[in-house]
Each structure stands twice: as C-alpha cells, then as structure tokens.
Protein backbone atom coordinates (compact mmCIF):
# COMPACT_ATOMS: atom_id res chain seq x y z
CA MET A 1 95.56 -49.66 104.95
CA LYS A 2 98.80 -47.96 106.39
CA ALA A 3 101.13 -49.89 108.12
CA SER A 4 101.16 -48.61 112.01
CA LYS A 5 104.64 -49.94 112.87
CA LYS A 6 108.02 -49.62 110.69
CA PHE A 7 108.57 -53.02 109.43
CA ASN A 8 109.59 -54.74 106.35
CA ILE A 9 107.71 -57.22 104.12
CA LEU A 10 109.53 -59.85 102.33
CA ILE A 11 107.80 -61.28 99.31
CA VAL A 12 109.04 -64.46 97.83
CA SER A 13 108.04 -67.17 95.17
CA LEU A 14 109.23 -69.31 92.77
CA ASP A 15 108.01 -66.93 89.98
CA ASN A 16 110.36 -63.78 90.59
CA ARG A 17 108.60 -61.35 88.10
CA PHE A 18 105.33 -62.06 89.92
CA SER A 19 106.93 -61.65 93.10
CA LYS A 20 108.04 -57.98 92.00
CA LEU A 21 104.70 -57.30 90.64
CA VAL A 22 102.80 -58.23 93.87
CA ALA A 23 105.48 -56.53 96.02
CA ALA A 24 105.11 -53.14 93.90
CA THR A 25 101.21 -53.41 94.28
CA LEU A 26 101.32 -54.00 97.95
CA ALA A 27 103.91 -51.17 98.58
CA GLU A 28 101.75 -48.77 96.89
CA LYS A 29 98.43 -50.00 98.69
CA LEU A 30 100.16 -49.69 102.18
CA ASP A 31 102.15 -46.43 101.23
CA MET A 32 105.48 -48.32 101.70
CA PHE A 33 108.75 -48.06 100.01
CA VAL A 34 109.55 -51.00 97.46
CA VAL A 35 112.82 -52.82 96.56
CA ASP A 36 114.05 -55.71 94.60
CA CYS A 37 116.99 -57.42 95.91
CA GLY A 38 118.10 -58.77 92.40
CA GLU A 39 117.82 -55.11 91.03
CA MET A 40 119.91 -53.68 94.02
CA LEU A 41 122.61 -56.18 93.31
CA VAL A 42 122.70 -55.23 89.41
CA TYR A 43 122.72 -51.56 90.54
CA ASP A 44 125.51 -52.05 93.18
CA LEU A 45 127.49 -54.86 91.20
CA SER A 46 127.04 -53.90 87.51
CA ASN A 47 129.78 -55.82 86.15
CA ARG A 48 129.81 -59.24 88.04
CA LYS A 49 131.96 -61.25 85.52
CA GLU A 50 134.52 -58.54 85.86
CA ILE A 51 134.61 -58.32 89.64
CA ILE A 52 134.99 -62.09 89.89
CA GLU A 53 138.03 -61.88 87.34
CA LYS A 54 139.83 -58.94 89.20
CA CYS A 55 138.84 -59.50 92.83
CA GLY A 56 137.63 -62.94 92.95
CA ILE A 57 134.16 -64.93 93.91
CA GLU A 58 134.97 -64.49 97.83
CA TYR A 59 134.86 -60.64 97.00
CA LEU A 60 131.80 -60.82 95.10
CA LYS A 61 130.01 -62.58 97.98
CA THR A 62 131.21 -59.88 100.47
CA ARG A 63 129.68 -57.39 98.40
CA GLU A 64 126.37 -59.41 97.73
CA THR A 65 126.07 -59.93 101.52
CA SER A 66 126.52 -56.03 101.89
CA VAL A 67 124.04 -55.00 99.66
CA LEU A 68 121.67 -57.56 100.92
CA GLU A 69 122.38 -56.52 104.28
CA LYS A 70 121.30 -52.96 103.39
CA CYS A 71 118.06 -54.02 101.70
CA ALA A 72 117.27 -55.97 105.20
CA SER A 73 117.99 -52.90 107.18
CA PHE A 74 115.40 -50.62 105.14
CA GLN A 75 112.44 -49.75 107.10
CA ASN A 76 108.75 -49.89 106.02
CA THR A 77 109.83 -51.47 102.93
CA VAL A 78 108.18 -54.00 100.95
CA ILE A 79 111.35 -56.43 99.59
CA SER A 80 110.91 -58.99 96.68
CA ILE A 81 113.84 -61.58 96.56
CA ASN A 82 114.26 -64.46 93.91
CA TYR A 83 114.64 -68.09 95.21
CA ASP A 84 118.33 -68.31 94.70
CA LEU A 85 118.97 -64.96 96.73
CA PHE A 86 116.63 -66.09 99.45
CA HIS A 87 118.27 -69.58 99.63
CA GLU A 88 121.57 -67.89 100.31
CA TYR A 89 120.64 -64.93 102.30
CA SER A 90 117.49 -65.64 103.88
CA LYS A 91 118.90 -65.36 107.39
CA LEU A 92 119.44 -61.65 106.77
CA PHE A 93 115.88 -60.91 106.67
CA ILE A 94 114.85 -62.07 110.18
CA ASN A 95 113.49 -58.69 111.05
CA SER A 96 111.15 -58.93 107.90
CA VAL A 97 107.60 -60.68 107.95
CA ILE A 98 108.29 -63.29 105.16
CA ILE A 99 105.51 -64.30 102.86
CA TYR A 100 105.63 -67.08 100.36
CA LEU A 101 103.31 -66.62 97.34
CA LYS A 102 103.16 -70.42 96.67
CA LEU A 103 102.25 -71.30 93.10
CA ASN A 104 101.69 -74.68 92.10
CA ASN A 105 104.05 -76.39 89.69
CA ALA A 106 102.33 -75.81 86.66
CA LYS A 107 102.23 -72.07 87.35
CA VAL A 108 106.18 -71.82 87.66
CA LYS A 109 107.63 -71.37 84.38
CA GLU A 110 111.04 -71.26 85.61
CA THR A 111 111.12 -74.73 87.36
CA THR A 112 112.55 -77.20 84.93
CA ASN A 113 111.21 -80.37 86.90
CA LYS A 114 109.32 -81.70 89.71
CA ILE A 115 112.20 -82.44 91.91
CA ALA A 116 113.75 -78.70 91.64
CA TYR A 117 109.85 -77.46 92.29
CA GLN A 118 109.42 -79.57 95.11
CA SER A 119 112.91 -79.01 97.04
CA ARG A 120 112.57 -75.30 96.36
CA ASP A 121 109.12 -75.34 97.68
CA GLN A 122 110.08 -76.94 100.89
CA PHE A 123 112.97 -74.81 101.71
CA ILE A 124 110.82 -71.37 101.17
CA SER A 125 107.84 -73.08 103.18
CA LYS A 126 110.50 -73.84 106.05
CA ASN A 127 111.76 -70.48 106.06
CA CYS A 128 108.85 -68.19 105.82
CA ASP A 129 106.38 -66.70 108.25
CA PHE A 130 103.49 -67.11 106.39
CA SER A 131 102.58 -69.07 103.12
CA ILE A 132 99.81 -68.32 100.83
CA LEU A 133 98.51 -70.95 98.33
CA LEU A 134 97.57 -69.33 95.14
CA ASP A 135 95.58 -71.13 92.49
CA LYS A 136 96.23 -68.58 89.92
CA LYS A 137 98.54 -65.67 89.48
CA SER A 138 96.64 -62.92 90.59
CA LYS A 139 98.19 -59.83 91.84
CA ILE A 140 95.13 -58.31 93.37
CA ASN A 141 94.32 -61.58 95.03
CA SER A 142 97.53 -61.86 96.35
CA VAL A 143 97.68 -58.54 97.84
CA LYS A 144 94.27 -58.70 99.39
CA MET A 145 95.29 -62.05 101.13
CA ILE A 146 98.48 -60.58 102.44
CA ILE A 147 96.76 -57.75 103.76
CA GLU A 148 94.38 -59.92 105.54
CA ILE A 149 97.51 -61.70 107.25
CA LEU A 150 99.33 -58.52 108.44
CA SER A 151 95.75 -57.17 109.71
CA GLU A 152 95.92 -60.35 112.26
CA VAL A 153 99.66 -59.80 113.17
CA VAL A 154 100.37 -56.11 112.92
C-alpha cells in the first residue's frame, strides 16, 4: 500500500525500541521515509552536556525545539518518538497522524512502577489520534493494524 497523500505518521509507545522497529517496518511497507526524533537530536546535538555548560539549558531547549520542528515538517515520513520527547513536544506534531502502540504494563521494561505506566499511558492516550492495544510485541501485527487504520482515514 502506498500513501496517496503526503502526510506523516508519528509512532509512540512506552517501549522506544519497539516504536523504532515498527516505524522502520511501516515506512518500508508504505514506501515512506523514516526518522527517529531521538536519533535526530543526538545527531544535531552531539554533546548535550557541553552545550548546557557553555550555552545553558534554555539554548539547549531552543535547539531541541528546532530539531523537532524540522522532524514535524517532513513529508511522507514515519516518525518514531520516545515518551519524554512526545510529552514535551507533542504539540509540534499536530499535522501528523499520531498512533499510540499501547503495550500492557508487563510488556514495558522501561517502566519502573505502575504509577509511572498509568500516568504516561493516560497522557499518550489523550494526545494521540489512534490507540492500538497490543497483547504482545509483534511488529508485523502492529504494522498490519496501522495500515488497516490508515486505509479507513486516508
């Protein structure tokens, strides 16, 4: 399936590695570009500690915003983003179709406790266009479900 319009798909979950894997697979399937926001920040802001020491946190935040605005302005791109960046910068992606790959608490290794999982889950759920509840981490199943949703809205 090829996307008929030039739009972006933003993939977010509470497992960043899984989000990146699904985004890459989906992009390949839809013949779209793929980018990970975290990797773009690392590339553009290679030495965050030095930037903070020499220029301050406000400068770093300005640079982060600039990089993420660039990501949001791409066309025909599947974008993966981690929770922390999504929490802080989700408003930049208003022109993207935001898909939340919702994993149950037991499947999310990075979550340290149930309270963190619940509050993060609530925030993403409230700020996404579509939520896909997954009983297991399956990139193939996830991609199929995303394509199904997109075929109904695009």
